[in-house]
Amino acid sequence: MRQTPIVDANRFRHALRRHAAGVVVVTGPGPVGLTATSLTSVSLDPPLVSFCVSRESTTWPDLRQADYFAVNVLAGDQAAIAARFAGRGVDRFGAPTRWRPGPYDVPLLSGVTVHLLCEPYDTIALGDHWLVVGLVVGTEVGSSGEPLLYHRGRYGGFNPHTELI
């Protein structure tokens, strides 16, 4: 029996709004795609990344069937793309979304900072989300250098104060 009470979901959500997170769009053949703010590097050997997706996602069942998917790390000026892929009932790949077919018919979004082409590695049910792990089989660095961030319920860019040497 649990001795320590857990925090209320709304209080937890409010606390995490203080954490800035990078924004990605995960895409797969179909085309299908969704916005995520939980991308993290898992391992260098083998090269693994992970992201989380709600079990209530209507896009995840189609994306889960893909043999390959891409993690498109959005650039600082791509808030509209993030919002589009987070919404429901809209043609996410229609105009004004710019994309091209990549390897294995995986859609690659234009103007992103980087594409990570992945094979599904593992999917684990955790709470009300799926933890998805991908094996990175290819990368493509884009022309934009600054990432899109999500903080306090809003999208924004990265403005460094100092440069590390």
C-alpha atoms as a PDB file:
ATOM      1  CA  MET A   1       0.000   0.000   0.000  1.00  0.00           C
ATOM      2  CA  ARG A   2       1.299   3.446  -0.988  1.00  0.00           C
ATOM      3  CA  GLN A   3       2.307   5.532   2.026  1.00  0.00           C
ATOM      4  CA  THR A   4       3.114   8.763   0.217  1.00  0.00           C
ATOM      5  CA  PRO A   5       0.277  10.434  -1.714  1.00  0.00           C
ATOM      6  CA  ILE A   6       0.929  11.328  -5.345  1.00  0.00           C
ATOM      7  CA  VAL A   7       0.430  14.815  -6.736  1.00  0.00           C
ATOM      8  CA  ASP A   8      -2.870  15.722  -8.426  1.00  0.00           C
ATOM      9  CA  ALA A   9      -2.726  15.601 -12.274  1.00  0.00           C
ATOM     10  CA  ASN A  10      -3.607  19.294 -12.689  1.00  0.00           C
ATOM     11  CA  ARG A  11      -0.974  20.354 -10.157  1.00  0.00           C
ATOM     12  CA  PHE A  12       1.584  18.129 -11.910  1.00  0.00           C
ATOM     13  CA  ARG A  13       0.696  19.613 -15.324  1.00  0.00           C
ATOM     14  CA  HIS A  14       0.974  23.152 -13.894  1.00  0.00           C
ATOM     15  CA  ALA A  15       4.420  22.382 -12.437  1.00  0.00           C
ATOM     16  CA  LEU A  16       5.744  20.917 -15.703  1.00  0.00           C
ATOM     17  CA  ARG A  17       4.651  24.000 -17.649  1.00  0.00           C
ATOM     18  CA  ARG A  18       7.723  25.629 -16.086  1.00  0.00           C
ATOM     19  CA  HIS A  19       9.993  23.211 -17.980  1.00  0.00           C
ATOM     20  CA  ALA A  20      10.947  24.281 -21.501  1.00  0.00           C
ATOM     21  CA  ALA A  21      10.891  21.406 -23.961  1.00  0.00           C
ATOM     22  CA  GLY A  22      11.990  21.025 -27.555  1.00  0.00           C
ATOM     23  CA  VAL A  23       9.221  20.412 -30.073  1.00  0.00           C
ATOM     24  CA  VAL A  24       9.238  17.650 -32.680  1.00  0.00           C
ATOM     25  CA  VAL A  25       6.807  16.231 -35.185  1.00  0.00           C
ATOM     26  CA  VAL A  26       6.984  12.467 -35.599  1.00  0.00           C
ATOM     27  CA  THR A  27       5.962  11.374 -39.105  1.00  0.00           C
ATOM     28  CA  GLY A  28       5.385   8.073 -40.830  1.00  0.00           C
ATOM     29  CA  PRO A  29       4.136   6.661 -44.139  1.00  0.00           C
ATOM     30  CA  GLY A  30       0.538   7.360 -44.938  1.00  0.00           C
ATOM     31  CA  PRO A  31       1.352  10.159 -44.353  1.00  0.00           C
ATOM     32  CA  VAL A  32       0.694  10.444 -40.626  1.00  0.00           C
ATOM     33  CA  GLY A  33       2.244  12.640 -37.949  1.00  0.00           C
ATOM     34  CA  LEU A  34       1.924  14.063 -34.466  1.00  0.00           C
ATOM     35  CA  THR A  35       3.546  16.709 -32.287  1.00  0.00           C
ATOM     36  CA  ALA A  36       5.597  15.695 -29.244  1.00  0.00           C
ATOM     37  CA  THR A  37       7.542  17.641 -26.621  1.00  0.00           C
ATOM     38  CA  SER A  38       9.149  14.675 -24.907  1.00  0.00           C
ATOM     39  CA  LEU A  39      12.043  13.771 -27.225  1.00  0.00           C
ATOM     40  CA  THR A  40      15.141  12.571 -25.453  1.00  0.00           C
ATOM     41  CA  SER A  41      18.361  10.822 -26.337  1.00  0.00           C
ATOM     42  CA  VAL A  42      18.405   7.361 -24.755  1.00  0.00           C
ATOM     43  CA  SER A  43      21.653   5.748 -25.898  1.00  0.00           C
ATOM     44  CA  LEU A  44      24.638   6.383 -28.163  1.00  0.00           C
ATOM     45  CA  ASP A  45      25.449   2.691 -28.712  1.00  0.00           C
ATOM     46  CA  PRO A  46      23.080   1.775 -30.203  1.00  0.00           C
ATOM     47  CA  PRO A  47      21.752   5.214 -31.169  1.00  0.00           C
ATOM     48  CA  LEU A  48      18.311   5.425 -29.530  1.00  0.00           C
ATOM     49  CA  VAL A  49      15.823   8.246 -28.991  1.00  0.00           C
ATOM     50  CA  SER A  50      12.465   8.226 -27.260  1.00  0.00           C
ATOM     51  CA  PHE A  51       9.264  10.238 -27.133  1.00  0.00           C
ATOM     52  CA  CYS A  52       5.930   9.828 -25.397  1.00  0.00           C
ATOM     53  CA  VAL A  53       2.472   9.805 -26.943  1.00  0.00           C
ATOM     54  CA  SER A  54      -0.911   9.777 -25.245  1.00  0.00           C
ATOM     55  CA  ARG A  55      -2.799   6.486 -25.293  1.00  0.00           C
ATOM     56  CA  GLU A  56      -5.775   8.565 -26.471  1.00  0.00           C
ATOM     57  CA  SER A  57      -3.958   9.749 -29.612  1.00  0.00           C
ATOM     58  CA  THR A  58      -5.991   9.043 -32.734  1.00  0.00           C
ATOM     59  CA  THR A  59      -2.816   9.212 -34.866  1.00  0.00           C
ATOM     60  CA  TRP A  60      -0.685   6.783 -32.865  1.00  0.00           C
ATOM     61  CA  PRO A  61      -2.426   3.554 -34.020  1.00  0.00           C
ATOM     62  CA  ASP A  62      -1.493   4.333 -37.661  1.00  0.00           C
ATOM     63  CA  LEU A  63       1.995   5.549 -36.799  1.00  0.00           C
ATOM     64  CA  ARG A  64       2.623   2.493 -34.621  1.00  0.00           C
ATOM     65  CA  GLN A  65       2.209   0.241 -37.675  1.00  0.00           C
ATOM     66  CA  ALA A  66       5.073   1.955 -39.537  1.00  0.00           C
ATOM     67  CA  ASP A  67       8.315   0.093 -40.242  1.00  0.00           C
ATOM     68  CA  TYR A  68      10.128   3.458 -40.096  1.00  0.00           C
ATOM     69  CA  PHE A  69       9.340   6.914 -38.736  1.00  0.00           C
ATOM     70  CA  ALA A  70      11.048  10.299 -38.712  1.00  0.00           C
ATOM     71  CA  VAL A  71      11.557  12.678 -35.831  1.00  0.00           C
ATOM     72  CA  ASN A  72      11.484  16.181 -37.315  1.00  0.00           C
ATOM     73  CA  VAL A  73      13.067  18.610 -34.826  1.00  0.00           C
ATOM     74  CA  LEU A  74      11.227  21.862 -35.464  1.00  0.00           C
ATOM     75  CA  ALA A  75      12.942  25.199 -35.980  1.00  0.00           C
ATOM     76  CA  GLY A  76      12.147  28.298 -33.943  1.00  0.00           C
ATOM     77  CA  ASP A  77       9.841  29.706 -36.635  1.00  0.00           C
ATOM     78  CA  GLN A  78       7.688  26.563 -36.982  1.00  0.00           C
ATOM     79  CA  ALA A  79       5.115  27.069 -34.217  1.00  0.00           C
ATOM     80  CA  ALA A  80       2.277  26.883 -36.760  1.00  0.00           C
ATOM     81  CA  ILE A  81       3.492  23.431 -37.867  1.00  0.00           C
ATOM     82  CA  ALA A  82       3.630  22.251 -34.246  1.00  0.00           C
ATOM     83  CA  ALA A  83       0.079  23.489 -33.637  1.00  0.00           C
ATOM     84  CA  ARG A  84      -1.170  21.953 -36.888  1.00  0.00           C
ATOM     85  CA  PHE A  85       0.194  18.487 -36.052  1.00  0.00           C
ATOM     86  CA  ALA A  86      -1.123  18.762 -32.476  1.00  0.00           C
ATOM     87  CA  GLY A  87      -4.658  19.545 -33.660  1.00  0.00           C
ATOM     88  CA  ARG A  88      -7.469  17.261 -34.757  1.00  0.00           C
ATOM     89  CA  GLY A  89      -9.654  17.290 -37.836  1.00  0.00           C
ATOM     90  CA  VAL A  90      -7.174  19.021 -40.129  1.00  0.00           C
ATOM     91  CA  ASP A  91      -5.142  17.778 -43.108  1.00  0.00           C
ATOM     92  CA  ARG A  92      -1.763  18.011 -41.405  1.00  0.00           C
ATOM     93  CA  PHE A  93       0.170  17.441 -44.638  1.00  0.00           C
ATOM     94  CA  GLY A  94      -1.925  19.816 -46.768  1.00  0.00           C
ATOM     95  CA  ALA A  95      -0.954  23.412 -47.533  1.00  0.00           C
ATOM     96  CA  PRO A  96       0.762  25.283 -45.980  1.00  0.00           C
ATOM     97  CA  THR A  97       2.764  22.294 -44.647  1.00  0.00           C
ATOM     98  CA  ARG A  98       5.870  21.760 -46.774  1.00  0.00           C
ATOM     99  CA  TRP A  99       7.330  18.244 -46.875  1.00  0.00           C
ATOM    100  CA  ARG A 100       8.895  15.660 -49.143  1.00  0.00           C
ATOM    101  CA  PRO A 101       8.947  11.876 -49.206  1.00  0.00           C
ATOM    102  CA  GLY A 102      12.073  10.530 -47.536  1.00  0.00           C
ATOM    103  CA  PRO A 103      13.541   7.038 -47.347  1.00  0.00           C
ATOM    104  CA  TYR A 104      10.939   4.274 -46.961  1.00  0.00           C
ATOM    105  CA  ASP A 105       8.189   6.795 -47.885  1.00  0.00           C
ATOM    106  CA  VAL A 106       8.591   8.539 -44.529  1.00  0.00           C
ATOM    107  CA  PRO A 107       7.528  12.203 -44.820  1.00  0.00           C
ATOM    108  CA  LEU A 108      10.260  14.709 -43.999  1.00  0.00           C
ATOM    109  CA  LEU A 109       9.124  18.208 -43.065  1.00  0.00           C
ATOM    110  CA  SER A 110      10.868  21.175 -44.683  1.00  0.00           C
ATOM    111  CA  GLY A 111      12.727  23.847 -42.712  1.00  0.00           C
ATOM    112  CA  VAL A 112      13.444  21.733 -39.621  1.00  0.00           C
ATOM    113  CA  THR A 113      16.728  21.720 -37.699  1.00  0.00           C
ATOM    114  CA  VAL A 114      17.245  17.969 -38.110  1.00  0.00           C
ATOM    115  CA  HIS A 115      15.558  14.775 -39.270  1.00  0.00           C
ATOM    116  CA  LEU A 116      16.153  11.526 -37.396  1.00  0.00           C
ATOM    117  CA  LEU A 117      15.084   8.481 -39.399  1.00  0.00           C
ATOM    118  CA  CYS A 118      14.210   5.649 -37.014  1.00  0.00           C
ATOM    119  CA  GLU A 119      13.174   2.027 -36.897  1.00  0.00           C
ATOM    120  CA  PRO A 120      10.801   1.168 -34.059  1.00  0.00           C
ATOM    121  CA  TYR A 121      12.860  -0.354 -31.246  1.00  0.00           C
ATOM    122  CA  ASP A 122      10.455  -0.691 -28.316  1.00  0.00           C
ATOM    123  CA  THR A 123       7.102   0.625 -27.123  1.00  0.00           C
ATOM    124  CA  ILE A 124       6.247   0.526 -23.444  1.00  0.00           C
ATOM    125  CA  ALA A 125       2.924   1.372 -21.790  1.00  0.00           C
ATOM    126  CA  LEU A 126       3.533   3.821 -18.933  1.00  0.00           C
ATOM    127  CA  GLY A 127       0.573   5.449 -17.178  1.00  0.00           C
ATOM    128  CA  ASP A 128      -1.642   7.203 -19.706  1.00  0.00           C
ATOM    129  CA  HIS A 129       1.103   7.344 -22.373  1.00  0.00           C
ATOM    130  CA  TRP A 130       3.208   5.105 -24.582  1.00  0.00           C
ATOM    131  CA  LEU A 131       6.986   5.462 -24.317  1.00  0.00           C
ATOM    132  CA  VAL A 132       8.257   4.948 -27.857  1.00  0.00           C
ATOM    133  CA  VAL A 133      11.919   4.151 -28.476  1.00  0.00           C
ATOM    134  CA  GLY A 134      13.412   4.429 -31.954  1.00  0.00           C
ATOM    135  CA  LEU A 135      16.702   3.125 -33.336  1.00  0.00           C
ATOM    136  CA  VAL A 136      18.240   5.980 -35.349  1.00  0.00           C
ATOM    137  CA  VAL A 137      19.252   4.670 -38.778  1.00  0.00           C
ATOM    138  CA  GLY A 138      19.821   8.028 -40.473  1.00  0.00           C
ATOM    139  CA  THR A 139      20.171  11.743 -39.807  1.00  0.00           C
ATOM    140  CA  GLU A 140      19.904  14.854 -41.931  1.00  0.00           C
ATOM    141  CA  VAL A 141      20.854  18.238 -40.505  1.00  0.00           C
ATOM    142  CA  GLY A 142      18.741  21.119 -41.791  1.00  0.00           C
ATOM    143  CA  SER A 143      19.697  24.696 -42.464  1.00  0.00           C
ATOM    144  CA  SER A 144      17.967  26.218 -39.436  1.00  0.00           C
ATOM    145  CA  GLY A 145      19.976  26.179 -36.240  1.00  0.00           C
ATOM    146  CA  GLU A 146      17.618  27.332 -33.494  1.00  0.00           C
ATOM    147  CA  PRO A 147      14.969  24.958 -32.113  1.00  0.00           C
ATOM    148  CA  LEU A 148      11.316  25.561 -31.330  1.00  0.00           C
ATOM    149  CA  LEU A 149      10.542  25.369 -27.611  1.00  0.00           C
ATOM    150  CA  TYR A 150       7.331  24.835 -25.655  1.00  0.00           C
ATOM    151  CA  HIS A 151       7.035  26.603 -22.307  1.00  0.00           C
ATOM    152  CA  ARG A 152       4.065  27.637 -20.153  1.00  0.00           C
ATOM    153  CA  GLY A 153       1.614  26.538 -22.827  1.00  0.00           C
ATOM    154  CA  ARG A 154       3.215  28.596 -25.601  1.00  0.00           C
ATOM    155  CA  TYR A 155       5.695  28.070 -28.403  1.00  0.00           C
ATOM    156  CA  GLY A 156       8.822  30.188 -28.669  1.00  0.00           C
ATOM    157  CA  GLY A 157      12.368  30.278 -29.937  1.00  0.00           C
ATOM    158  CA  PHE A 158      15.719  29.903 -28.259  1.00  0.00           C
ATOM    159  CA  ASN A 159      17.650  33.061 -27.459  1.00  0.00           C
ATOM    160  CA  PRO A 160      21.048  32.162 -25.972  1.00  0.00           C
ATOM    161  CA  HIS A 161      22.573  34.595 -23.508  1.00  0.00           C
ATOM    162  CA  THR A 162      26.145  33.428 -23.847  1.00  0.00           C
ATOM    163  CA  GLU A 163      28.010  31.075 -26.091  1.00  0.00           C
ATOM    164  CA  LEU A 164      29.984  28.257 -24.516  1.00  0.00           C
ATOM    165  CA  ILE A 165      33.555  27.815 -25.626  1.00  0.00           C
END
